[in-house]
Amino acid sequence: MKEYKIIEIPRKYIKKDYSYAEAVMNTEAADGWDVVSVTVDTGKDISGILVITFSREKGSGKL
């Protein structure tokens, strides 16, 4: 069985490059999470946010 989590990264953290988003993905990968998707959600805020969805096998994280 898989478990999922979503992390939102505000646009202010990715204005110049994506190094912050990469750091978040690498940190989560170290805990067993795989990136499922990366999407921009503009919603009400025209600048948008980066939405990263992760998954892993349930119970496979660090203790």
N, C-alpha and C. Protein backbone atom coordinates (compact mmCIF):
# COMPACT_ATOMS: atom_id res chain seq x y z
N MET A 1 0.84 -1.18 0.00
CA MET A 1 0.00 0.00 0.00
C MET A 1 0.89 1.24 0.00
N LYS A 2 0.51 2.22 -0.78
CA LYS A 2 1.29 3.45 -0.86
C LYS A 2 0.67 4.54 0.00
N GLU A 3 1.52 5.46 0.40
CA GLU A 3 1.06 6.69 1.05
C GLU A 3 1.56 7.86 0.22
N TYR A 4 0.86 8.97 0.29
CA TYR A 4 1.16 10.14 -0.52
C TYR A 4 1.25 11.38 0.35
N LYS A 5 2.01 12.35 -0.13
CA LYS A 5 2.00 13.67 0.52
C LYS A 5 2.25 14.72 -0.55
N ILE A 6 1.77 15.90 -0.27
CA ILE A 6 1.90 17.03 -1.19
C ILE A 6 2.60 18.17 -0.46
N ILE A 7 3.59 18.75 -1.14
CA ILE A 7 4.30 19.91 -0.61
C ILE A 7 4.12 21.05 -1.59
N GLU A 8 3.74 22.21 -1.08
CA GLU A 8 3.57 23.42 -1.89
C GLU A 8 4.77 24.33 -1.67
N ILE A 9 5.33 24.82 -2.77
CA ILE A 9 6.47 25.73 -2.70
C ILE A 9 6.05 27.06 -3.31
N PRO A 10 5.96 28.10 -2.50
CA PRO A 10 5.57 29.42 -3.01
C PRO A 10 6.53 29.94 -4.07
N ARG A 11 6.01 30.70 -4.98
CA ARG A 11 6.78 31.24 -6.10
C ARG A 11 8.01 32.00 -5.63
N LYS A 12 7.96 32.66 -4.47
CA LYS A 12 9.10 33.46 -4.01
C LYS A 12 10.36 32.62 -3.84
N TYR A 13 10.21 31.30 -3.67
CA TYR A 13 11.38 30.43 -3.51
C TYR A 13 11.95 29.91 -4.83
N ILE A 14 11.26 30.18 -5.94
CA ILE A 14 11.74 29.67 -7.23
C ILE A 14 11.84 30.76 -8.30
N LYS A 15 11.96 32.01 -7.89
CA LYS A 15 12.02 33.10 -8.86
C LYS A 15 13.27 33.04 -9.73
N LYS A 16 14.43 32.76 -9.15
CA LYS A 16 15.68 32.79 -9.92
C LYS A 16 16.05 31.42 -10.47
N ASP A 17 15.81 30.38 -9.68
CA ASP A 17 16.11 29.02 -10.14
C ASP A 17 15.30 28.02 -9.31
N TYR A 18 15.51 26.76 -9.59
CA TYR A 18 14.74 25.73 -8.91
C TYR A 18 15.55 25.00 -7.85
N SER A 19 16.64 25.57 -7.37
CA SER A 19 17.49 24.89 -6.40
C SER A 19 16.76 24.60 -5.09
N TYR A 20 15.87 25.47 -4.67
CA TYR A 20 15.10 25.21 -3.44
C TYR A 20 14.19 24.00 -3.64
N ALA A 21 13.49 23.96 -4.77
CA ALA A 21 12.61 22.83 -5.06
C ALA A 21 13.42 21.54 -5.16
N GLU A 22 14.59 21.61 -5.78
CA GLU A 22 15.46 20.42 -5.87
C GLU A 22 15.89 19.96 -4.49
N ALA A 23 16.21 20.89 -3.62
CA ALA A 23 16.63 20.54 -2.26
C ALA A 23 15.49 19.85 -1.51
N VAL A 24 14.27 20.34 -1.68
CA VAL A 24 13.10 19.71 -1.05
C VAL A 24 12.93 18.29 -1.58
N MET A 25 13.02 18.12 -2.90
CA MET A 25 12.86 16.79 -3.49
C MET A 25 13.96 15.84 -3.03
N ASN A 26 15.19 16.32 -2.94
CA ASN A 26 16.30 15.47 -2.48
C ASN A 26 16.14 15.09 -1.00
N THR A 27 15.67 16.02 -0.19
CA THR A 27 15.44 15.73 1.22
C THR A 27 14.36 14.66 1.37
N GLU A 28 13.29 14.79 0.63
CA GLU A 28 12.21 13.81 0.70
C GLU A 28 12.65 12.46 0.15
N ALA A 29 13.46 12.46 -0.90
CA ALA A 29 13.96 11.20 -1.48
C ALA A 29 14.82 10.45 -0.47
N ALA A 30 15.57 11.17 0.33
CA ALA A 30 16.40 10.54 1.35
C ALA A 30 15.56 9.82 2.40
N ASP A 31 14.29 10.20 2.51
CA ASP A 31 13.38 9.56 3.45
C ASP A 31 12.46 8.55 2.75
N GLY A 32 12.82 8.19 1.51
CA GLY A 32 12.07 7.16 0.80
C GLY A 32 10.94 7.62 -0.09
N TRP A 33 10.75 8.92 -0.22
CA TRP A 33 9.67 9.45 -1.05
C TRP A 33 10.10 9.57 -2.51
N ASP A 34 9.21 9.21 -3.43
CA ASP A 34 9.42 9.37 -4.87
C ASP A 34 8.52 10.49 -5.38
N VAL A 35 9.03 11.29 -6.31
CA VAL A 35 8.22 12.35 -6.92
C VAL A 35 7.24 11.70 -7.90
N VAL A 36 5.96 12.02 -7.73
CA VAL A 36 4.92 11.52 -8.62
C VAL A 36 4.60 12.56 -9.68
N SER A 37 4.50 13.82 -9.24
CA SER A 37 4.21 14.90 -10.19
C SER A 37 4.66 16.24 -9.64
N VAL A 38 4.89 17.16 -10.58
CA VAL A 38 5.21 18.55 -10.24
C VAL A 38 4.30 19.41 -11.12
N THR A 39 3.54 20.28 -10.45
CA THR A 39 2.55 21.09 -11.15
C THR A 39 2.60 22.52 -10.63
N VAL A 40 2.22 23.46 -11.48
CA VAL A 40 2.07 24.84 -11.03
C VAL A 40 0.58 25.10 -10.83
N ASP A 41 0.23 25.55 -9.63
CA ASP A 41 -1.15 25.87 -9.29
C ASP A 41 -1.25 27.38 -9.15
N THR A 42 -1.97 28.01 -10.08
CA THR A 42 -2.10 29.47 -10.02
C THR A 42 -3.26 29.89 -9.13
N GLY A 43 -4.30 29.08 -9.03
CA GLY A 43 -5.43 29.40 -8.17
C GLY A 43 -5.79 30.87 -8.22
N LYS A 44 -5.90 31.50 -7.07
CA LYS A 44 -6.23 32.92 -6.99
C LYS A 44 -5.00 33.80 -7.16
N ASP A 45 -3.83 33.23 -6.90
CA ASP A 45 -2.58 34.00 -6.97
C ASP A 45 -1.94 33.80 -8.33
N ILE A 46 -1.90 34.83 -9.13
CA ILE A 46 -1.41 34.73 -10.51
C ILE A 46 0.05 34.28 -10.58
N SER A 47 0.82 34.50 -9.52
CA SER A 47 2.23 34.11 -9.54
C SER A 47 2.40 32.60 -9.41
N GLY A 48 1.44 31.92 -8.83
CA GLY A 48 1.45 30.48 -8.75
C GLY A 48 2.37 29.90 -7.69
N ILE A 49 2.12 28.64 -7.40
CA ILE A 49 2.95 27.89 -6.48
C ILE A 49 3.29 26.56 -7.13
N LEU A 50 4.42 26.02 -6.79
CA LEU A 50 4.84 24.72 -7.29
C LEU A 50 4.27 23.67 -6.34
N VAL A 51 3.56 22.70 -6.87
CA VAL A 51 2.95 21.65 -6.08
C VAL A 51 3.65 20.34 -6.44
N ILE A 52 4.30 19.72 -5.45
CA ILE A 52 5.03 18.48 -5.68
C ILE A 52 4.32 17.37 -4.92
N THR A 53 3.95 16.32 -5.64
CA THR A 53 3.30 15.16 -5.04
C THR A 53 4.32 14.03 -4.93
N PHE A 54 4.38 13.43 -3.74
CA PHE A 54 5.32 12.34 -3.45
C PHE A 54 4.54 11.09 -3.08
N SER A 55 5.17 9.92 -3.30
CA SER A 55 4.60 8.66 -2.82
C SER A 55 5.72 7.75 -2.32
N ARG A 56 5.35 6.80 -1.48
CA ARG A 56 6.28 5.76 -1.02
C ARG A 56 5.45 4.61 -0.48
N GLU A 57 6.09 3.48 -0.36
CA GLU A 57 5.40 2.35 0.26
C GLU A 57 5.17 2.68 1.73
N LYS A 58 3.97 2.41 2.20
CA LYS A 58 3.62 2.74 3.58
C LYS A 58 4.56 2.00 4.55
N GLY A 59 5.08 2.74 5.50
CA GLY A 59 5.96 2.16 6.50
C GLY A 59 7.41 2.05 6.07
N SER A 60 7.77 2.63 4.91
CA SER A 60 9.16 2.50 4.43
C SER A 60 10.04 3.69 4.79
N GLY A 61 9.52 4.64 5.56
CA GLY A 61 10.30 5.83 5.92
C GLY A 61 11.30 5.57 7.02
N LYS A 62 12.14 6.56 7.27
CA LYS A 62 13.13 6.47 8.34
C LYS A 62 12.43 6.45 9.69
N LEU A 63 13.00 5.73 10.60
CA LEU A 63 12.45 5.69 11.96
C LEU A 63 13.18 6.63 12.86
